[in-house]
């Protein structure tokens, strides 16, 4: 089997979703660290908890946008390269179907 073409928009939507989930995880970790470390600091101010909570909202959006744009570019470049060199060969082993 040879992959000769990747639909850039379709691939970008899938990877944007994956990156949004990763951004949510990173945002949650950043939020936890921000609020936890904020309790140990003396002069944090009242904005520290909001910065941590904001990471849960902002980071998934930023990651999803970056994943969408990056994948859109890479999939388009892949299509150009596959047109020149012929694509990527992938072998699948046929297994037994268990129903």
N, C-alpha and C. Protein backbone atom coordinates (compact mmCIF):
# COMPACT_ATOMS: atom_id res chain seq x y z
N UNK A 1 0.85 -1.17 0.00
CA UNK A 1 0.00 0.00 0.00
C UNK A 1 0.90 1.23 0.00
N UNK A 2 0.56 2.19 -0.81
CA UNK A 2 1.33 3.43 -0.91
C UNK A 2 0.41 4.61 -0.60
N UNK A 3 0.84 5.44 0.33
CA UNK A 3 0.10 6.66 0.63
C UNK A 3 0.61 7.73 -0.32
N UNK A 4 -0.23 8.11 -1.27
CA UNK A 4 0.16 9.09 -2.28
C UNK A 4 -0.44 10.47 -1.99
N UNK A 5 -1.49 10.54 -1.19
CA UNK A 5 -2.14 11.81 -0.93
C UNK A 5 -2.75 11.80 0.47
N UNK A 6 -2.60 12.91 1.15
CA UNK A 6 -3.23 13.11 2.45
C UNK A 6 -4.12 14.35 2.32
N UNK A 7 -5.37 14.23 2.73
CA UNK A 7 -6.27 15.39 2.71
C UNK A 7 -5.84 16.36 3.82
N UNK A 8 -5.24 17.49 3.46
CA UNK A 8 -4.67 18.40 4.48
C UNK A 8 -5.69 18.89 5.50
N UNK A 9 -6.87 19.26 5.08
CA UNK A 9 -7.87 19.79 6.01
C UNK A 9 -8.34 18.72 6.98
N UNK A 10 -8.54 17.52 6.47
CA UNK A 10 -8.97 16.41 7.32
C UNK A 10 -7.90 16.07 8.35
N UNK A 11 -6.65 15.97 7.91
CA UNK A 11 -5.55 15.67 8.82
C UNK A 11 -5.38 16.79 9.84
N UNK A 12 -5.54 18.03 9.40
CA UNK A 12 -5.39 19.17 10.31
C UNK A 12 -6.45 19.16 11.40
N UNK A 13 -7.68 18.78 11.06
CA UNK A 13 -8.75 18.72 12.07
C UNK A 13 -8.47 17.64 13.11
N UNK A 14 -7.99 16.51 12.65
CA UNK A 14 -7.68 15.41 13.59
C UNK A 14 -6.55 15.83 14.52
N UNK A 15 -5.48 16.39 13.95
CA UNK A 15 -4.36 16.77 14.79
C UNK A 15 -4.67 17.97 15.68
N UNK A 16 -5.53 18.87 15.25
CA UNK A 16 -5.95 19.97 16.11
C UNK A 16 -6.66 19.44 17.35
N UNK A 17 -7.47 18.41 17.16
CA UNK A 17 -8.16 17.79 18.29
C UNK A 17 -7.16 17.14 19.25
N UNK A 18 -6.18 16.43 18.69
CA UNK A 18 -5.17 15.79 19.53
C UNK A 18 -4.37 16.84 20.28
N UNK A 19 -3.96 17.90 19.60
CA UNK A 19 -3.20 18.96 20.24
C UNK A 19 -4.03 19.69 21.30
N UNK A 20 -5.32 19.83 21.10
CA UNK A 20 -6.17 20.46 22.11
C UNK A 20 -6.20 19.64 23.39
N UNK A 21 -6.26 18.31 23.25
CA UNK A 21 -6.24 17.44 24.43
C UNK A 21 -4.89 17.56 25.14
N UNK A 22 -3.80 17.57 24.37
CA UNK A 22 -2.47 17.73 24.97
C UNK A 22 -2.38 19.10 25.65
N UNK A 23 -2.92 20.13 25.02
CA UNK A 23 -2.93 21.46 25.62
C UNK A 23 -3.72 21.51 26.91
N UNK A 24 -4.81 20.76 26.96
CA UNK A 24 -5.61 20.69 28.18
C UNK A 24 -4.81 20.05 29.31
N UNK A 25 -4.09 18.99 28.99
CA UNK A 25 -3.26 18.32 30.00
C UNK A 25 -2.14 19.25 30.48
N UNK A 26 -1.45 19.88 29.53
CA UNK A 26 -0.37 20.81 29.90
C UNK A 26 -0.94 22.00 30.68
N UNK A 27 -2.10 22.50 30.26
CA UNK A 27 -2.74 23.60 30.98
C UNK A 27 -3.12 23.22 32.40
N UNK A 28 -3.60 22.00 32.58
CA UNK A 28 -3.96 21.54 33.92
C UNK A 28 -2.72 21.44 34.81
N UNK A 29 -1.63 20.94 34.24
CA UNK A 29 -0.39 20.85 35.01
C UNK A 29 0.12 22.25 35.35
N UNK A 30 0.10 23.15 34.37
CA UNK A 30 0.54 24.53 34.60
C UNK A 30 -0.34 25.20 35.64
N UNK A 31 -1.64 24.97 35.57
CA UNK A 31 -2.57 25.55 36.54
C UNK A 31 -2.28 25.04 37.95
N UNK A 32 -2.08 23.74 38.05
CA UNK A 32 -1.80 23.14 39.35
C UNK A 32 -0.50 23.70 39.93
N UNK A 33 0.55 23.77 39.09
CA UNK A 33 1.82 24.30 39.56
C UNK A 33 1.69 25.78 39.95
N UNK A 34 0.96 26.53 39.16
CA UNK A 34 0.80 27.96 39.43
C UNK A 34 0.08 28.20 40.75
N UNK A 35 -1.01 27.48 40.96
CA UNK A 35 -1.76 27.70 42.20
C UNK A 35 -1.03 27.11 43.40
N UNK A 36 -0.34 25.98 43.22
CA UNK A 36 0.38 25.37 44.33
C UNK A 36 1.57 26.23 44.74
N UNK A 37 2.35 26.64 43.76
CA UNK A 37 3.52 27.46 44.07
C UNK A 37 3.11 28.85 44.54
N UNK A 38 1.95 29.31 44.10
CA UNK A 38 1.46 30.61 44.54
C UNK A 38 1.15 30.65 46.02
N UNK A 39 0.76 29.52 46.58
CA UNK A 39 0.46 29.48 48.00
C UNK A 39 1.72 29.57 48.85
N UNK A 40 2.88 29.20 48.27
CA UNK A 40 4.14 29.25 49.03
C UNK A 40 4.85 30.58 48.88
N UNK A 41 4.47 31.36 47.88
CA UNK A 41 5.13 32.65 47.66
C UNK A 41 4.51 33.71 48.56
N UNK A 42 5.28 34.69 48.92
CA UNK A 42 4.79 35.73 49.82
C UNK A 42 4.06 36.84 49.06
N UNK A 43 4.65 37.36 48.01
CA UNK A 43 4.10 38.52 47.31
C UNK A 43 3.56 38.11 45.95
N UNK A 44 2.60 37.22 45.93
CA UNK A 44 2.04 36.73 44.66
C UNK A 44 1.01 37.69 44.12
N UNK A 45 0.21 38.23 44.98
CA UNK A 45 -0.88 39.09 44.53
C UNK A 45 -2.12 38.25 44.26
N UNK A 46 -3.21 38.93 43.94
CA UNK A 46 -4.47 38.22 43.78
C UNK A 46 -4.64 37.60 42.39
N UNK A 47 -3.75 37.89 41.44
CA UNK A 47 -3.90 37.40 40.07
C UNK A 47 -3.34 36.01 39.84
N UNK A 48 -2.51 35.49 40.72
CA UNK A 48 -1.86 34.19 40.51
C UNK A 48 -2.85 33.06 40.26
N UNK A 49 -3.93 32.91 41.04
CA UNK A 49 -4.87 31.83 40.77
C UNK A 49 -5.56 31.98 39.40
N UNK A 50 -5.80 33.22 38.98
CA UNK A 50 -6.45 33.44 37.69
C UNK A 50 -5.54 33.08 36.52
N UNK A 51 -4.24 33.30 36.70
CA UNK A 51 -3.28 32.91 35.66
C UNK A 51 -3.27 31.40 35.52
N UNK A 52 -3.28 30.70 36.63
CA UNK A 52 -3.28 29.24 36.59
C UNK A 52 -4.54 28.69 35.94
N UNK A 53 -5.69 29.21 36.33
CA UNK A 53 -6.96 28.76 35.76
C UNK A 53 -7.05 29.16 34.29
N UNK A 54 -6.52 30.32 33.94
CA UNK A 54 -6.52 30.76 32.55
C UNK A 54 -5.74 29.83 31.64
N UNK A 55 -4.73 29.15 32.19
CA UNK A 55 -3.93 28.22 31.39
C UNK A 55 -4.78 27.06 30.89
N UNK A 56 -5.79 26.66 31.66
CA UNK A 56 -6.66 25.56 31.24
C UNK A 56 -7.50 25.96 30.04
N UNK A 57 -7.75 27.24 29.89
CA UNK A 57 -8.55 27.73 28.76
C UNK A 57 -7.66 28.11 27.58
N UNK A 58 -6.58 28.85 27.85
CA UNK A 58 -5.76 29.41 26.78
C UNK A 58 -4.87 28.36 26.11
N UNK A 59 -4.21 27.51 26.88
CA UNK A 59 -3.27 26.55 26.29
C UNK A 59 -3.93 25.57 25.33
N UNK A 60 -5.09 24.98 25.63
CA UNK A 60 -5.71 24.11 24.62
C UNK A 60 -6.03 24.82 23.31
N UNK A 61 -6.45 26.08 23.42
CA UNK A 61 -6.77 26.84 22.20
C UNK A 61 -5.49 27.10 21.40
N UNK A 62 -4.42 27.52 22.07
CA UNK A 62 -3.16 27.78 21.38
C UNK A 62 -2.59 26.50 20.77
N UNK A 63 -2.61 25.40 21.53
CA UNK A 63 -2.10 24.13 21.01
C UNK A 63 -2.92 23.67 19.80
N UNK A 64 -4.24 23.79 19.88
CA UNK A 64 -5.10 23.35 18.77
C UNK A 64 -4.82 24.18 17.52
N UNK A 65 -4.67 25.49 17.68
CA UNK A 65 -4.37 26.35 16.52
C UNK A 65 -3.02 25.99 15.91
N UNK A 66 -2.02 25.82 16.75
CA UNK A 66 -0.69 25.47 16.27
C UNK A 66 -0.70 24.10 15.59
N UNK A 67 -1.41 23.14 16.18
CA UNK A 67 -1.51 21.81 15.58
C UNK A 67 -2.23 21.83 14.25
N UNK A 68 -3.29 22.63 14.15
CA UNK A 68 -4.06 22.74 12.91
C UNK A 68 -3.20 23.34 11.80
N UNK A 69 -2.58 24.48 12.09
CA UNK A 69 -1.78 25.17 11.08
C UNK A 69 -0.55 24.34 10.69
N UNK A 70 0.13 23.78 11.69
CA UNK A 70 1.31 22.97 11.41
C UNK A 70 0.99 21.74 10.58
N UNK A 71 -0.08 21.05 10.92
CA UNK A 71 -0.46 19.85 10.17
C UNK A 71 -0.94 20.21 8.77
N UNK A 72 -1.64 21.30 8.63
CA UNK A 72 -2.08 21.75 7.31
C UNK A 72 -0.87 21.99 6.40
N UNK A 73 0.14 22.63 6.93
CA UNK A 73 1.36 22.90 6.15
C UNK A 73 2.10 21.59 5.83
N UNK A 74 2.28 20.75 6.84
CA UNK A 74 3.03 19.51 6.64
C UNK A 74 2.30 18.57 5.68
N UNK A 75 0.99 18.45 5.79
CA UNK A 75 0.23 17.58 4.88
C UNK A 75 0.32 18.08 3.45
N UNK A 76 0.27 19.38 3.27
CA UNK A 76 0.40 19.95 1.93
C UNK A 76 1.80 19.69 1.37
N UNK A 77 2.83 19.88 2.19
CA UNK A 77 4.19 19.59 1.75
C UNK A 77 4.37 18.10 1.45
N UNK A 78 3.72 17.24 2.24
CA UNK A 78 3.80 15.81 1.97
C UNK A 78 3.22 15.49 0.59
N UNK A 79 2.09 16.10 0.27
CA UNK A 79 1.47 15.84 -1.03
C UNK A 79 2.38 16.26 -2.18
N UNK A 80 3.09 17.36 -2.02
CA UNK A 80 4.03 17.81 -3.05
C UNK A 80 5.18 16.81 -3.16
N UNK A 81 5.74 16.44 -2.01
CA UNK A 81 6.87 15.49 -2.01
C UNK A 81 6.44 14.12 -2.53
N UNK A 82 5.26 13.66 -2.15
CA UNK A 82 4.78 12.36 -2.61
C UNK A 82 4.54 12.37 -4.12
N UNK A 83 4.15 13.52 -4.65
CA UNK A 83 3.99 13.63 -6.10
C UNK A 83 5.31 13.51 -6.83
N UNK A 84 6.39 13.93 -6.18
CA UNK A 84 7.71 13.87 -6.81
C UNK A 84 8.35 12.49 -6.65
N UNK A 85 8.32 11.95 -5.44
CA UNK A 85 9.03 10.69 -5.17
C UNK A 85 8.13 9.47 -5.08
N UNK A 86 6.84 9.64 -5.08
CA UNK A 86 5.93 8.50 -5.14
C UNK A 86 5.24 8.10 -3.86
N UNK A 87 5.47 8.73 -2.77
CA UNK A 87 4.74 8.41 -1.55
C UNK A 87 5.50 7.49 -0.61
N UNK A 88 4.82 7.03 0.41
CA UNK A 88 5.39 6.17 1.45
C UNK A 88 4.78 4.78 1.32
N UNK A 89 5.64 3.76 1.27
CA UNK A 89 5.16 2.38 1.24
C UNK A 89 4.86 1.92 2.65
N UNK A 90 3.69 1.35 2.84
CA UNK A 90 3.29 0.80 4.14
C UNK A 90 2.79 -0.61 3.90
N UNK A 91 3.30 -1.56 4.69
CA UNK A 91 2.85 -2.94 4.58
C UNK A 91 1.96 -3.28 5.78
N UNK A 92 0.85 -3.94 5.47
CA UNK A 92 -0.05 -4.41 6.51
C UNK A 92 -0.06 -5.92 6.49
N UNK A 93 -0.11 -6.51 7.66
CA UNK A 93 -0.23 -7.95 7.76
C UNK A 93 -1.69 -8.28 8.00
N UNK A 94 -2.22 -9.16 7.16
CA UNK A 94 -3.62 -9.52 7.30
C UNK A 94 -3.75 -10.53 8.44
N UNK A 95 -4.51 -10.16 9.43
CA UNK A 95 -4.75 -11.04 10.56
C UNK A 95 -6.12 -11.68 10.45
N UNK A 96 -6.44 -12.49 11.40
CA UNK A 96 -7.76 -13.13 11.40
C UNK A 96 -8.74 -12.21 12.11
N UNK A 97 -9.92 -12.13 11.60
CA UNK A 97 -10.97 -11.32 12.21
C UNK A 97 -11.68 -12.15 13.26
N UNK A 98 -11.78 -11.61 14.45
CA UNK A 98 -12.48 -12.27 15.53
C UNK A 98 -13.81 -11.56 15.73
N UNK A 99 -14.88 -12.29 15.60
CA UNK A 99 -16.20 -11.65 15.78
C UNK A 99 -16.90 -12.18 16.98
